């Protein structure tokens, strides 16, 4: 991995902000706590403002400190990109790419993507962080992540959408379920069966409530959970149905353990997008891996849709 191109003082400020105290930062870097404290005091003296509020339990950034940390992370990202470009000149694809993803993607296309990166770009480090859509976008704006695959991203002047795909809602059932032989359904047909429903922790719940709130209230014996994996387990057992998008169950649709049935009267849908910071220019290797990321998800969706039509 490349050496840090950040001045030590900025690196120490970022470490304390991330870890919450000088002692914790000293263990994480590792650098002596006295050296970190000295550099931060010198920097505060140089800029003429306090960067941290000091408490008995630790340290929190002031507004000036938050601005400095955002700048430090931007410089660090640009330093990583520079390192990648220098290695590219030597014929080596190297570097680090930090990607925010949703929990629903973990058992979907992400393992395949990770294996492709390991094969094609063995010198590139991939950091995958599971986040909520809101946290993912915040991490892009703050510079903590390079790219994010998130649901229902709203237009924002600081965010660039690199790719997006509409994901219509469908009813998912086991092959043995009475609804499995239907080519399409309406919501009132679904409410006759036990429904396993996403909790408010998952982005799709807000979309369902926006246009289809009555379905939730009239469903038979609803079971609510924040775990997509538990939803799929309950559906595969054959008794419960669920409402979700093709991407959430693409792997299971392809292997035949779950059937995805389009809903004719669905007024809304999800949208999945790959995004980066508007101000951020990705290195060539990061762009290539982003393209690989998109290709993997497109292929997964295409295979699921093809399987569904058979």
C-alpha atoms as a PDB file:
ATOM      1  CA  UNK A   1       0.000   0.000   0.000  1.00  0.00           C
ATOM      2  CA  UNK A   2       1.174   3.582  -0.638  1.00  0.00           C
ATOM      3  CA  UNK A   3       2.662   5.748   2.049  1.00  0.00           C
ATOM      4  CA  UNK A   4       0.387   8.522   3.252  1.00  0.00           C
ATOM      5  CA  UNK A   5       0.845  11.793   1.379  1.00  0.00           C
ATOM      6  CA  UNK A   6      -0.970  13.677   4.155  1.00  0.00           C
ATOM      7  CA  UNK A   7       1.028  15.849   6.541  1.00  0.00           C
ATOM      8  CA  UNK A   8       1.316  14.097   9.903  1.00  0.00           C
ATOM      9  CA  UNK A   9      -0.724  16.776  11.646  1.00  0.00           C
ATOM     10  CA  UNK A  10      -3.728  16.175   9.373  1.00  0.00           C
ATOM     11  CA  UNK A  11      -3.316  12.414   9.639  1.00  0.00           C
ATOM     12  CA  UNK A  12      -3.393  12.679  13.434  1.00  0.00           C
ATOM     13  CA  UNK A  13      -6.477  14.935  13.432  1.00  0.00           C
ATOM     14  CA  UNK A  14      -8.288  12.437  11.207  1.00  0.00           C
ATOM     15  CA  UNK A  15      -7.259   9.533  13.448  1.00  0.00           C
ATOM     16  CA  UNK A  16      -8.488  11.253  16.616  1.00  0.00           C
ATOM     17  CA  UNK A  17     -11.763  12.197  14.894  1.00  0.00           C
ATOM     18  CA  UNK A  18     -12.251   8.589  13.809  1.00  0.00           C
ATOM     19  CA  UNK A  19     -11.321   6.966  17.120  1.00  0.00           C
ATOM     20  CA  UNK A  20     -12.733   9.509  19.567  1.00  0.00           C
ATOM     21  CA  UNK A  21      -9.655  10.166  21.674  1.00  0.00           C
ATOM     22  CA  UNK A  22      -5.882  10.657  21.457  1.00  0.00           C
ATOM     23  CA  UNK A  23      -5.182   7.407  23.308  1.00  0.00           C
ATOM     24  CA  UNK A  24      -7.422   5.408  20.953  1.00  0.00           C
ATOM     25  CA  UNK A  25      -5.846   7.092  17.924  1.00  0.00           C
ATOM     26  CA  UNK A  26      -2.372   6.294  19.259  1.00  0.00           C
ATOM     27  CA  UNK A  27      -3.286   2.603  19.428  1.00  0.00           C
ATOM     28  CA  UNK A  28      -4.816   2.631  15.948  1.00  0.00           C
ATOM     29  CA  UNK A  29      -2.010   4.344  13.979  1.00  0.00           C
ATOM     30  CA  UNK A  30       0.235   3.499  16.046  1.00  0.00           C
ATOM     31  CA  UNK A  31       2.043   6.682  17.151  1.00  0.00           C
ATOM     32  CA  UNK A  32       2.709   7.853  20.680  1.00  0.00           C
ATOM     33  CA  UNK A  33      -0.142   9.809  22.262  1.00  0.00           C
ATOM     34  CA  UNK A  34       2.216  12.654  23.179  1.00  0.00           C
ATOM     35  CA  UNK A  35       3.309  13.071  19.560  1.00  0.00           C
ATOM     36  CA  UNK A  36      -0.303  13.175  18.360  1.00  0.00           C
ATOM     37  CA  UNK A  37      -1.285  15.671  21.033  1.00  0.00           C
ATOM     38  CA  UNK A  38       1.705  17.898  20.289  1.00  0.00           C
ATOM     39  CA  UNK A  39       0.970  17.995  16.543  1.00  0.00           C
ATOM     40  CA  UNK A  40      -2.703  18.821  17.106  1.00  0.00           C
ATOM     41  CA  UNK A  41      -1.851  21.639  19.526  1.00  0.00           C
ATOM     42  CA  UNK A  42       0.678  23.073  17.056  1.00  0.00           C
ATOM     43  CA  UNK A  43      -1.885  22.896  14.252  1.00  0.00           C
ATOM     44  CA  UNK A  44      -4.550  24.618  16.376  1.00  0.00           C
ATOM     45  CA  UNK A  45      -2.040  27.334  17.201  1.00  0.00           C
ATOM     46  CA  UNK A  46      -1.097  27.740  13.531  1.00  0.00           C
ATOM     47  CA  UNK A  47      -4.682  28.039  12.238  1.00  0.00           C
ATOM     48  CA  UNK A  48      -5.865  30.050  15.234  1.00  0.00           C
ATOM     49  CA  UNK A  49      -8.978  27.971  15.968  1.00  0.00           C
ATOM     50  CA  UNK A  50      -9.802  25.039  18.204  1.00  0.00           C
ATOM     51  CA  UNK A  51     -10.220  21.794  16.254  1.00  0.00           C
ATOM     52  CA  UNK A  52     -11.540  19.618  19.081  1.00  0.00           C
ATOM     53  CA  UNK A  53     -13.830  19.916  22.070  1.00  0.00           C
ATOM     54  CA  UNK A  54     -12.036  18.065  24.871  1.00  0.00           C
ATOM     55  CA  UNK A  55     -14.193  16.066  27.294  1.00  0.00           C
ATOM     56  CA  UNK A  56     -13.483  13.638  30.099  1.00  0.00           C
ATOM     57  CA  UNK A  57     -14.740  10.817  27.876  1.00  0.00           C
ATOM     58  CA  UNK A  58     -12.804  11.836  24.764  1.00  0.00           C
ATOM     59  CA  UNK A  59     -12.670  14.445  21.986  1.00  0.00           C
ATOM     60  CA  UNK A  60     -15.204  15.648  19.417  1.00  0.00           C
ATOM     61  CA  UNK A  61     -14.614  17.845  16.388  1.00  0.00           C
ATOM     62  CA  UNK A  62     -15.551  21.509  16.351  1.00  0.00           C
ATOM     63  CA  UNK A  63     -17.033  22.938  13.164  1.00  0.00           C
ATOM     64  CA  UNK A  64     -13.550  23.995  12.069  1.00  0.00           C
ATOM     65  CA  UNK A  65     -12.259  20.504  12.859  1.00  0.00           C
ATOM     66  CA  UNK A  66     -15.000  18.898  10.760  1.00  0.00           C
ATOM     67  CA  UNK A  67     -14.027  21.085   7.790  1.00  0.00           C
ATOM     68  CA  UNK A  68     -10.391  20.113   8.202  1.00  0.00           C
ATOM     69  CA  UNK A  69     -11.181  16.391   8.398  1.00  0.00           C
ATOM     70  CA  UNK A  70     -13.260  16.544   5.192  1.00  0.00           C
ATOM     71  CA  UNK A  71     -10.310  18.224   3.463  1.00  0.00           C
ATOM     72  CA  UNK A  72      -7.853  15.686   4.893  1.00  0.00           C
ATOM     73  CA  UNK A  73      -9.934  12.761   3.644  1.00  0.00           C
ATOM     74  CA  UNK A  74     -10.216  14.350   0.220  1.00  0.00           C
ATOM     75  CA  UNK A  75      -6.435  14.766   0.028  1.00  0.00           C
ATOM     76  CA  UNK A  76      -5.929  11.177   1.208  1.00  0.00           C
ATOM     77  CA  UNK A  77      -8.281   9.867  -1.482  1.00  0.00           C
ATOM     78  CA  UNK A  78      -6.474  11.895  -4.106  1.00  0.00           C
ATOM     79  CA  UNK A  79      -3.174  10.560  -2.800  1.00  0.00           C
ATOM     80  CA  UNK A  80      -4.455   6.999  -3.195  1.00  0.00           C
ATOM     81  CA  UNK A  81      -5.572   7.801  -6.734  1.00  0.00           C
ATOM     82  CA  UNK A  82      -2.153   9.255  -7.535  1.00  0.00           C
ATOM     83  CA  UNK A  83      -0.473   6.109  -6.238  1.00  0.00           C
ATOM     84  CA  UNK A  84      -2.747   4.009  -8.455  1.00  0.00           C
ATOM     85  CA  UNK A  85      -1.890   6.110 -11.500  1.00  0.00           C
ATOM     86  CA  UNK A  86       1.846   5.849 -10.819  1.00  0.00           C
ATOM     87  CA  UNK A  87       1.540   2.073 -10.583  1.00  0.00           C
ATOM     88  CA  UNK A  88      -0.517   2.066 -13.777  1.00  0.00           C
ATOM     89  CA  UNK A  89       2.418   3.712 -15.575  1.00  0.00           C
ATOM     90  CA  UNK A  90       4.490   0.716 -14.504  1.00  0.00           C
ATOM     91  CA  UNK A  91       1.907  -1.686 -15.896  1.00  0.00           C
ATOM     92  CA  UNK A  92       0.581  -2.536 -12.428  1.00  0.00           C
ATOM     93  CA  UNK A  93      -3.069  -2.231 -11.402  1.00  0.00           C
ATOM     94  CA  UNK A  94      -2.734  -1.304  -7.747  1.00  0.00           C
ATOM     95  CA  UNK A  95      -4.538   0.784  -5.175  1.00  0.00           C
ATOM     96  CA  UNK A  96      -7.480   0.790  -2.815  1.00  0.00           C
ATOM     97  CA  UNK A  97     -11.190   1.283  -3.442  1.00  0.00           C
ATOM     98  CA  UNK A  98     -13.679   1.851  -0.609  1.00  0.00           C
ATOM     99  CA  UNK A  99     -17.229   0.817  -1.507  1.00  0.00           C
ATOM    100  CA  UNK A 100     -20.430   1.305   0.493  1.00  0.00           C
ATOM    101  CA  UNK A 101     -23.123  -1.318  -0.144  1.00  0.00           C
ATOM    102  CA  UNK A 102     -26.513  -2.336   1.217  1.00  0.00           C
ATOM    103  CA  UNK A 103     -27.011  -5.414   3.391  1.00  0.00           C
ATOM    104  CA  UNK A 104     -29.384  -6.927   0.816  1.00  0.00           C
ATOM    105  CA  UNK A 105     -26.490  -7.170  -1.662  1.00  0.00           C
ATOM    106  CA  UNK A 106     -24.243  -9.285   0.563  1.00  0.00           C
ATOM    107  CA  UNK A 107     -25.744 -12.632  -0.464  1.00  0.00           C
ATOM    108  CA  UNK A 108     -26.579 -11.491  -3.982  1.00  0.00           C
ATOM    109  CA  UNK A 109     -23.929 -10.406  -6.487  1.00  0.00           C
ATOM    110  CA  UNK A 110     -21.200  -9.173  -4.116  1.00  0.00           C
ATOM    111  CA  UNK A 111     -19.375 -12.512  -3.700  1.00  0.00           C
ATOM    112  CA  UNK A 112     -19.131 -12.866  -7.472  1.00  0.00           C
ATOM    113  CA  UNK A 113     -17.896  -9.289  -7.794  1.00  0.00           C
ATOM    114  CA  UNK A 114     -15.258  -9.808  -5.094  1.00  0.00           C
ATOM    115  CA  UNK A 115     -13.994 -12.957  -6.821  1.00  0.00           C
ATOM    116  CA  UNK A 116     -13.746 -11.138 -10.159  1.00  0.00           C
ATOM    117  CA  UNK A 117     -11.727  -8.320  -8.583  1.00  0.00           C
ATOM    118  CA  UNK A 118      -9.417 -10.806  -6.850  1.00  0.00           C
ATOM    119  CA  UNK A 119      -8.751 -12.531 -10.177  1.00  0.00           C
ATOM    120  CA  UNK A 120      -8.407  -9.474 -12.410  1.00  0.00           C
ATOM    121  CA  UNK A 121      -6.925  -6.951  -9.965  1.00  0.00           C
ATOM    122  CA  UNK A 122      -4.931  -8.945  -7.378  1.00  0.00           C
ATOM    123  CA  UNK A 123      -2.973  -5.843  -6.272  1.00  0.00           C
ATOM    124  CA  UNK A 124      -6.084  -3.785  -5.494  1.00  0.00           C
ATOM    125  CA  UNK A 125      -7.504  -3.675  -1.968  1.00  0.00           C
ATOM    126  CA  UNK A 126     -11.304  -3.510  -1.814  1.00  0.00           C
ATOM    127  CA  UNK A 127     -12.956  -2.255   1.380  1.00  0.00           C
ATOM    128  CA  UNK A 128     -16.676  -3.155   1.443  1.00  0.00           C
ATOM    129  CA  UNK A 129     -18.758  -1.449   4.140  1.00  0.00           C
ATOM    130  CA  UNK A 130     -22.425  -2.356   4.712  1.00  0.00           C
ATOM    131  CA  UNK A 131     -24.471   0.789   5.376  1.00  0.00           C
ATOM    132  CA  UNK A 132     -27.972   2.212   5.168  1.00  0.00           C
ATOM    133  CA  UNK A 133     -28.677   4.260   2.011  1.00  0.00           C
ATOM    134  CA  UNK A 134     -28.518   7.496   4.022  1.00  0.00           C
ATOM    135  CA  UNK A 135     -25.203   6.593   5.653  1.00  0.00           C
ATOM    136  CA  UNK A 136     -23.801   5.504   2.286  1.00  0.00           C
ATOM    137  CA  UNK A 137     -24.513   8.887   0.706  1.00  0.00           C
ATOM    138  CA  UNK A 138     -23.131  10.683   3.763  1.00  0.00           C
ATOM    139  CA  UNK A 139     -19.945   8.612   3.482  1.00  0.00           C
ATOM    140  CA  UNK A 140     -19.526   9.674  -0.147  1.00  0.00           C
ATOM    141  CA  UNK A 141     -19.963  13.342   0.728  1.00  0.00           C
ATOM    142  CA  UNK A 142     -17.532  13.119   3.642  1.00  0.00           C
ATOM    143  CA  UNK A 143     -14.908  11.293   1.589  1.00  0.00           C
ATOM    144  CA  UNK A 144     -14.973   8.150   3.738  1.00  0.00           C
ATOM    145  CA  UNK A 145     -16.056   6.022   0.755  1.00  0.00           C
ATOM    146  CA  UNK A 146     -15.117   6.236  -2.929  1.00  0.00           C
ATOM    147  CA  UNK A 147     -18.293   4.819  -4.465  1.00  0.00           C
ATOM    148  CA  UNK A 148     -21.616   3.549  -3.120  1.00  0.00           C
ATOM    149  CA  UNK A 149     -24.321   1.254  -4.430  1.00  0.00           C
ATOM    150  CA  UNK A 150     -27.510   2.494  -2.788  1.00  0.00           C
ATOM    151  CA  UNK A 151     -31.269   2.411  -3.155  1.00  0.00           C
ATOM    152  CA  UNK A 152     -33.502   5.374  -3.993  1.00  0.00           C
ATOM    153  CA  UNK A 153     -30.776   8.018  -4.207  1.00  0.00           C
ATOM    154  CA  UNK A 154     -32.233  11.495  -4.477  1.00  0.00           C
ATOM    155  CA  UNK A 155     -30.686  14.100  -6.807  1.00  0.00           C
ATOM    156  CA  UNK A 156     -28.000  16.036  -4.952  1.00  0.00           C
ATOM    157  CA  UNK A 157     -25.530  18.629  -6.177  1.00  0.00           C
ATOM    158  CA  UNK A 158     -22.628  16.843  -4.448  1.00  0.00           C
ATOM    159  CA  UNK A 159     -23.463  13.371  -5.816  1.00  0.00           C
ATOM    160  CA  UNK A 160     -22.856  12.017  -9.321  1.00  0.00           C
ATOM    161  CA  UNK A 161     -24.922   9.012 -10.405  1.00  0.00           C
ATOM    162  CA  UNK A 162     -22.650   6.760 -12.461  1.00  0.00           C
ATOM    163  CA  UNK A 163     -25.319   4.129 -13.220  1.00  0.00           C
ATOM    164  CA  UNK A 164     -28.902   3.452 -12.223  1.00  0.00           C
ATOM    165  CA  UNK A 165     -31.581   0.798 -12.752  1.00  0.00           C
ATOM    166  CA  UNK A 166     -35.297   0.704 -11.975  1.00  0.00           C
ATOM    167  CA  UNK A 167     -36.399  -2.294  -9.883  1.00  0.00           C
ATOM    168  CA  UNK A 168     -40.153  -3.031 -10.065  1.00  0.00           C
ATOM    169  CA  UNK A 169     -41.808  -4.599  -7.045  1.00  0.00           C
ATOM    170  CA  UNK A 170     -42.854  -8.223  -7.152  1.00  0.00           C
ATOM    171  CA  UNK A 171     -44.284 -10.902  -4.903  1.00  0.00           C
ATOM    172  CA  UNK A 172     -41.779 -13.607  -3.993  1.00  0.00           C
ATOM    173  CA  UNK A 173     -42.912 -17.101  -3.074  1.00  0.00           C
ATOM    174  CA  UNK A 174     -41.580 -20.626  -2.810  1.00  0.00           C
ATOM    175  CA  UNK A 175     -42.061 -22.919  -5.857  1.00  0.00           C
ATOM    176  CA  UNK A 176     -44.550 -24.940  -3.772  1.00  0.00           C
ATOM    177  CA  UNK A 177     -46.708 -21.922  -2.865  1.00  0.00           C
ATOM    178  CA  UNK A 178     -50.278 -21.693  -4.328  1.00  0.00           C
ATOM    179  CA  UNK A 179     -49.345 -18.404  -6.071  1.00  0.00           C
ATOM    180  CA  UNK A 180     -46.209 -19.793  -7.727  1.00  0.00           C
ATOM    181  CA  UNK A 181     -47.877 -20.590 -11.071  1.00  0.00           C
ATOM    182  CA  UNK A 182     -49.201 -17.051 -11.580  1.00  0.00           C
ATOM    183  CA  UNK A 183     -47.539 -14.939 -14.286  1.00  0.00           C
ATOM    184  CA  UNK A 184     -48.539 -11.734 -12.451  1.00  0.00           C
ATOM    185  CA  UNK A 185     -50.546 -10.707  -9.386  1.00  0.00           C
ATOM    186  CA  UNK A 186     -52.452  -7.841  -7.828  1.00  0.00           C
ATOM    187  CA  UNK A 187     -51.970  -6.731  -4.243  1.00  0.00           C
ATOM    188  CA  UNK A 188     -55.356  -7.984  -3.059  1.00  0.00           C
ATOM    189  CA  UNK A 189     -54.379 -11.530  -4.113  1.00  0.00           C
ATOM    190  CA  UNK A 190     -51.219 -11.270  -2.001  1.00  0.00           C
ATOM    191  CA  UNK A 191     -52.932 -10.101   1.200  1.00  0.00           C
ATOM    192  CA  UNK A 192     -54.732 -13.437   1.539  1.00  0.00           C
ATOM    193  CA  UNK A 193     -51.460 -15.078   2.592  1.00  0.00           C
ATOM    194  CA  UNK A 194     -49.105 -14.545   5.559  1.00  0.00           C
ATOM    195  CA  UNK A 195     -46.783 -11.675   4.674  1.00  0.00           C
ATOM    196  CA  UNK A 196     -43.196 -11.283   5.891  1.00  0.00           C
ATOM    197  CA  UNK A 197     -42.531  -7.557   5.720  1.00  0.00           C
ATOM    198  CA  UNK A 198     -39.440  -5.353   5.849  1.00  0.00           C
ATOM    199  CA  UNK A 199     -39.067  -3.119   8.900  1.00  0.00           C
ATOM    200  CA  UNK A 200     -38.411   0.623   8.655  1.00  0.00           C
ATOM    201  CA  UNK A 201     -34.676  -0.100   8.826  1.00  0.00           C
ATOM    202  CA  UNK A 202     -34.830  -1.211   5.170  1.00  0.00           C
ATOM    203  CA  UNK A 203     -35.282   1.311   2.353  1.00  0.00           C
ATOM    204  CA  UNK A 204     -37.993  -0.638   0.557  1.00  0.00           C
ATOM    205  CA  UNK A 205     -40.433  -0.282   3.491  1.00  0.00           C
ATOM    206  CA  UNK A 206     -40.659   3.480   2.989  1.00  0.00           C
ATOM    207  CA  UNK A 207     -41.437   2.979  -0.715  1.00  0.00           C
ATOM    208  CA  UNK A 208     -44.155   0.466   0.078  1.00  0.00           C
ATOM    209  CA  UNK A 209     -45.767   2.752   2.641  1.00  0.00           C
ATOM    210  CA  UNK A 210     -45.709   5.696   0.250  1.00  0.00           C
ATOM    211  CA  UNK A 211     -48.076   4.156  -2.308  1.00  0.00           C
ATOM    212  CA  UNK A 212     -49.285   0.864  -0.844  1.00  0.00           C
ATOM    213  CA  UNK A 213     -49.865   1.458   2.851  1.00  0.00           C
ATOM    214  CA  UNK A 214     -53.223  -0.364   2.747  1.00  0.00           C
ATOM    215  CA  UNK A 215     -51.468  -3.588   1.721  1.00  0.00           C
ATOM    216  CA  UNK A 216     -49.456  -3.577   4.940  1.00  0.00           C
ATOM    217  CA  UNK A 217     -52.534  -3.009   7.125  1.00  0.00           C
ATOM    218  CA  UNK A 218     -54.744  -5.560   5.352  1.00  0.00           C
ATOM    219  CA  UNK A 219     -52.163  -8.320   5.025  1.00  0.00           C
ATOM    220  CA  UNK A 220     -52.807 -11.591   6.799  1.00  0.00           C
ATOM    221  CA  UNK A 221     -50.618 -12.240   9.869  1.00  0.00           C
ATOM    222  CA  UNK A 222     -47.749  -9.851   8.938  1.00  0.00           C
ATOM    223  CA  UNK A 223     -44.311 -10.744  10.259  1.00  0.00           C
ATOM    224  CA  UNK A 224     -41.910  -7.783  10.374  1.00  0.00           C
ATOM    225  CA  UNK A 225     -38.102  -8.005  10.303  1.00  0.00           C
ATOM    226  CA  UNK A 226     -35.035  -5.915   9.420  1.00  0.00           C
ATOM    227  CA  UNK A 227     -33.285  -8.968   7.929  1.00  0.00           C
ATOM    228  CA  UNK A 228     -33.619  -9.689   4.220  1.00  0.00           C
ATOM    229  CA  UNK A 229     -31.997 -13.076   4.823  1.00  0.00           C
ATOM    230  CA  UNK A 230     -34.741 -14.000   7.324  1.00  0.00           C
ATOM    231  CA  UNK A 231     -37.386 -12.855   4.833  1.00  0.00           C
ATOM    232  CA  UNK A 232     -35.961 -15.222   2.221  1.00  0.00           C
ATOM    233  CA  UNK A 233     -35.778 -18.099   4.714  1.00  0.00           C
ATOM    234  CA  UNK A 234     -39.457 -17.655   5.584  1.00  0.00           C
ATOM    235  CA  UNK A 235     -40.468 -17.446   1.926  1.00  0.00           C
ATOM    236  CA  UNK A 236     -38.493 -20.580   1.011  1.00  0.00           C
ATOM    237  CA  UNK A 237     -40.307 -22.522   3.740  1.00  0.00           C
ATOM    238  CA  UNK A 238     -43.438 -22.191   1.611  1.00  0.00           C
ATOM    239  CA  UNK A 239     -45.987 -20.514   3.864  1.00  0.00           C
ATOM    240  CA  UNK A 240     -45.136 -16.793   3.736  1.00  0.00           C
ATOM    241  CA  UNK A 241     -44.990 -14.369   0.814  1.00  0.00           C
ATOM    242  CA  UNK A 242     -42.965 -11.140   0.578  1.00  0.00           C
ATOM    243  CA  UNK A 243     -42.910  -7.996  -1.530  1.00  0.00           C
ATOM    244  CA  UNK A 244     -39.505  -6.956  -2.787  1.00  0.00           C
ATOM    245  CA  UNK A 245     -37.433  -6.273  -5.900  1.00  0.00           C
ATOM    246  CA  UNK A 246     -35.685  -8.669  -8.292  1.00  0.00           C
ATOM    247  CA  UNK A 247     -32.248  -7.650  -7.070  1.00  0.00           C
ATOM    248  CA  UNK A 248     -32.981  -8.737  -3.492  1.00  0.00           C
ATOM    249  CA  UNK A 249     -33.741 -12.294  -4.625  1.00  0.00           C
ATOM    250  CA  UNK A 250     -31.765 -12.565  -7.881  1.00  0.00           C
ATOM    251  CA  UNK A 251     -29.555 -15.397  -6.609  1.00  0.00           C
ATOM    252  CA  UNK A 252     -32.531 -17.411  -5.346  1.00  0.00           C
ATOM    253  CA  UNK A 253     -34.536 -16.815  -8.545  1.00  0.00           C
ATOM    254  CA  UNK A 254     -31.593 -18.073 -10.603  1.00  0.00           C
ATOM    255  CA  UNK A 255     -31.167 -21.221  -8.489  1.00  0.00           C
ATOM    256  CA  UNK A 256     -34.927 -21.854  -8.480  1.00  0.00           C
ATOM    257  CA  UNK A 257     -35.550 -21.694  -4.731  1.00  0.00           C
ATOM    258  CA  UNK A 258     -37.734 -18.549  -4.992  1.00  0.00           C
ATOM    259  CA  UNK A 259     -40.217 -17.383  -7.633  1.00  0.00           C
ATOM    260  CA  UNK A 260     -40.523 -13.651  -8.440  1.00  0.00           C
ATOM    261  CA  UNK A 261     -43.998 -12.649  -9.668  1.00  0.00           C
ATOM    262  CA  UNK A 262     -44.600  -9.112 -11.059  1.00  0.00           C
ATOM    263  CA  UNK A 263     -47.336  -7.058  -9.375  1.00  0.00           C
ATOM    264  CA  UNK A 264     -49.669  -5.461 -11.928  1.00  0.00           C
ATOM    265  CA  UNK A 265     -51.018  -2.676  -9.713  1.00  0.00           C
ATOM    266  CA  UNK A 266     -47.693  -1.634  -8.139  1.00  0.00           C
ATOM    267  CA  UNK A 267     -47.586   2.163  -8.332  1.00  0.00           C
ATOM    268  CA  UNK A 268     -43.981   2.523  -7.205  1.00  0.00           C
ATOM    269  CA  UNK A 269     -40.659   0.743  -7.418  1.00  0.00           C
ATOM    270  CA  UNK A 270     -37.124   0.897  -6.099  1.00  0.00           C
ATOM    271  CA  UNK A 271     -34.133   2.349  -7.908  1.00  0.00           C
ATOM    272  CA  UNK A 272     -30.591   1.169  -7.341  1.00  0.00           C
ATOM    273  CA  UNK A 273     -27.696   3.477  -8.250  1.00  0.00           C
ATOM    274  CA  UNK A 274     -23.912   3.516  -8.225  1.00  0.00           C
ATOM    275  CA  UNK A 275     -22.719   6.942  -7.094  1.00  0.00           C
ATOM    276  CA  UNK A 276     -19.579   8.920  -6.311  1.00  0.00           C
ATOM    277  CA  UNK A 277     -18.828  12.433  -5.137  1.00  0.00           C
ATOM    278  CA  UNK A 278     -19.377  15.038  -7.855  1.00  0.00           C
ATOM    279  CA  UNK A 279     -15.995  16.598  -7.086  1.00  0.00           C
ATOM    280  CA  UNK A 280     -14.126  13.285  -7.095  1.00  0.00           C
ATOM    281  CA  UNK A 281     -12.199  12.019 -10.123  1.00  0.00           C
ATOM    282  CA  UNK A 282     -11.678   8.271  -9.811  1.00  0.00           C
ATOM    283  CA  UNK A 283      -8.378   6.702 -10.839  1.00  0.00           C
ATOM    284  CA  UNK A 284      -8.391   4.540 -13.963  1.00  0.00           C
ATOM    285  CA  UNK A 285      -8.279   1.337 -11.960  1.00  0.00           C
ATOM    286  CA  UNK A 286     -11.154   2.592  -9.776  1.00  0.00           C
ATOM    287  CA  UNK A 287     -13.142   3.388 -12.917  1.00  0.00           C
ATOM    288  CA  UNK A 288     -12.425  -0.093 -14.279  1.00  0.00           C
ATOM    289  CA  UNK A 289     -13.547  -1.749 -11.057  1.00  0.00           C
ATOM    290  CA  UNK A 290     -16.665   0.442 -10.976  1.00  0.00           C
ATOM    291  CA  UNK A 291     -17.486  -0.786 -14.484  1.00  0.00           C
ATOM    292  CA  UNK A 292     -16.913  -4.365 -13.329  1.00  0.00           C
ATOM    293  CA  UNK A 293     -19.252  -3.704 -10.396  1.00  0.00           C
ATOM    294  CA  UNK A 294     -21.974  -2.461 -12.752  1.00  0.00           C
ATOM    295  CA  UNK A 295     -21.474  -5.357 -15.191  1.00  0.00           C
ATOM    296  CA  UNK A 296     -21.801  -7.881 -12.354  1.00  0.00           C
ATOM    297  CA  UNK A 297     -25.096  -6.477 -11.095  1.00  0.00           C
ATOM    298  CA  UNK A 298     -26.500  -6.106 -14.638  1.00  0.00           C
ATOM    299  CA  UNK A 299     -25.604  -9.720 -15.416  1.00  0.00           C
ATOM    300  CA  UNK A 300     -27.212 -10.910 -12.182  1.00  0.00           C
ATOM    301  CA  UNK A 301     -30.437  -9.047 -12.943  1.00  0.00           C
ATOM    302  CA  UNK A 302     -30.445 -10.267 -16.547  1.00  0.00           C
ATOM    303  CA  UNK A 303     -30.026 -13.903 -15.486  1.00  0.00           C
ATOM    304  CA  UNK A 304     -32.795 -13.580 -12.898  1.00  0.00           C
ATOM    305  CA  UNK A 305     -35.169 -12.024 -15.432  1.00  0.00           C
ATOM    306  CA  UNK A 306     -34.344 -14.652 -18.022  1.00  0.00           C
ATOM    307  CA  UNK A 307     -34.967 -17.422 -15.488  1.00  0.00           C
ATOM    308  CA  UNK A 308     -38.272 -15.799 -14.525  1.00  0.00           C
ATOM    309  CA  UNK A 309     -39.488 -15.844 -18.133  1.00  0.00           C
ATOM    310  CA  UNK A 310     -38.803 -19.559 -18.564  1.00  0.00           C
END
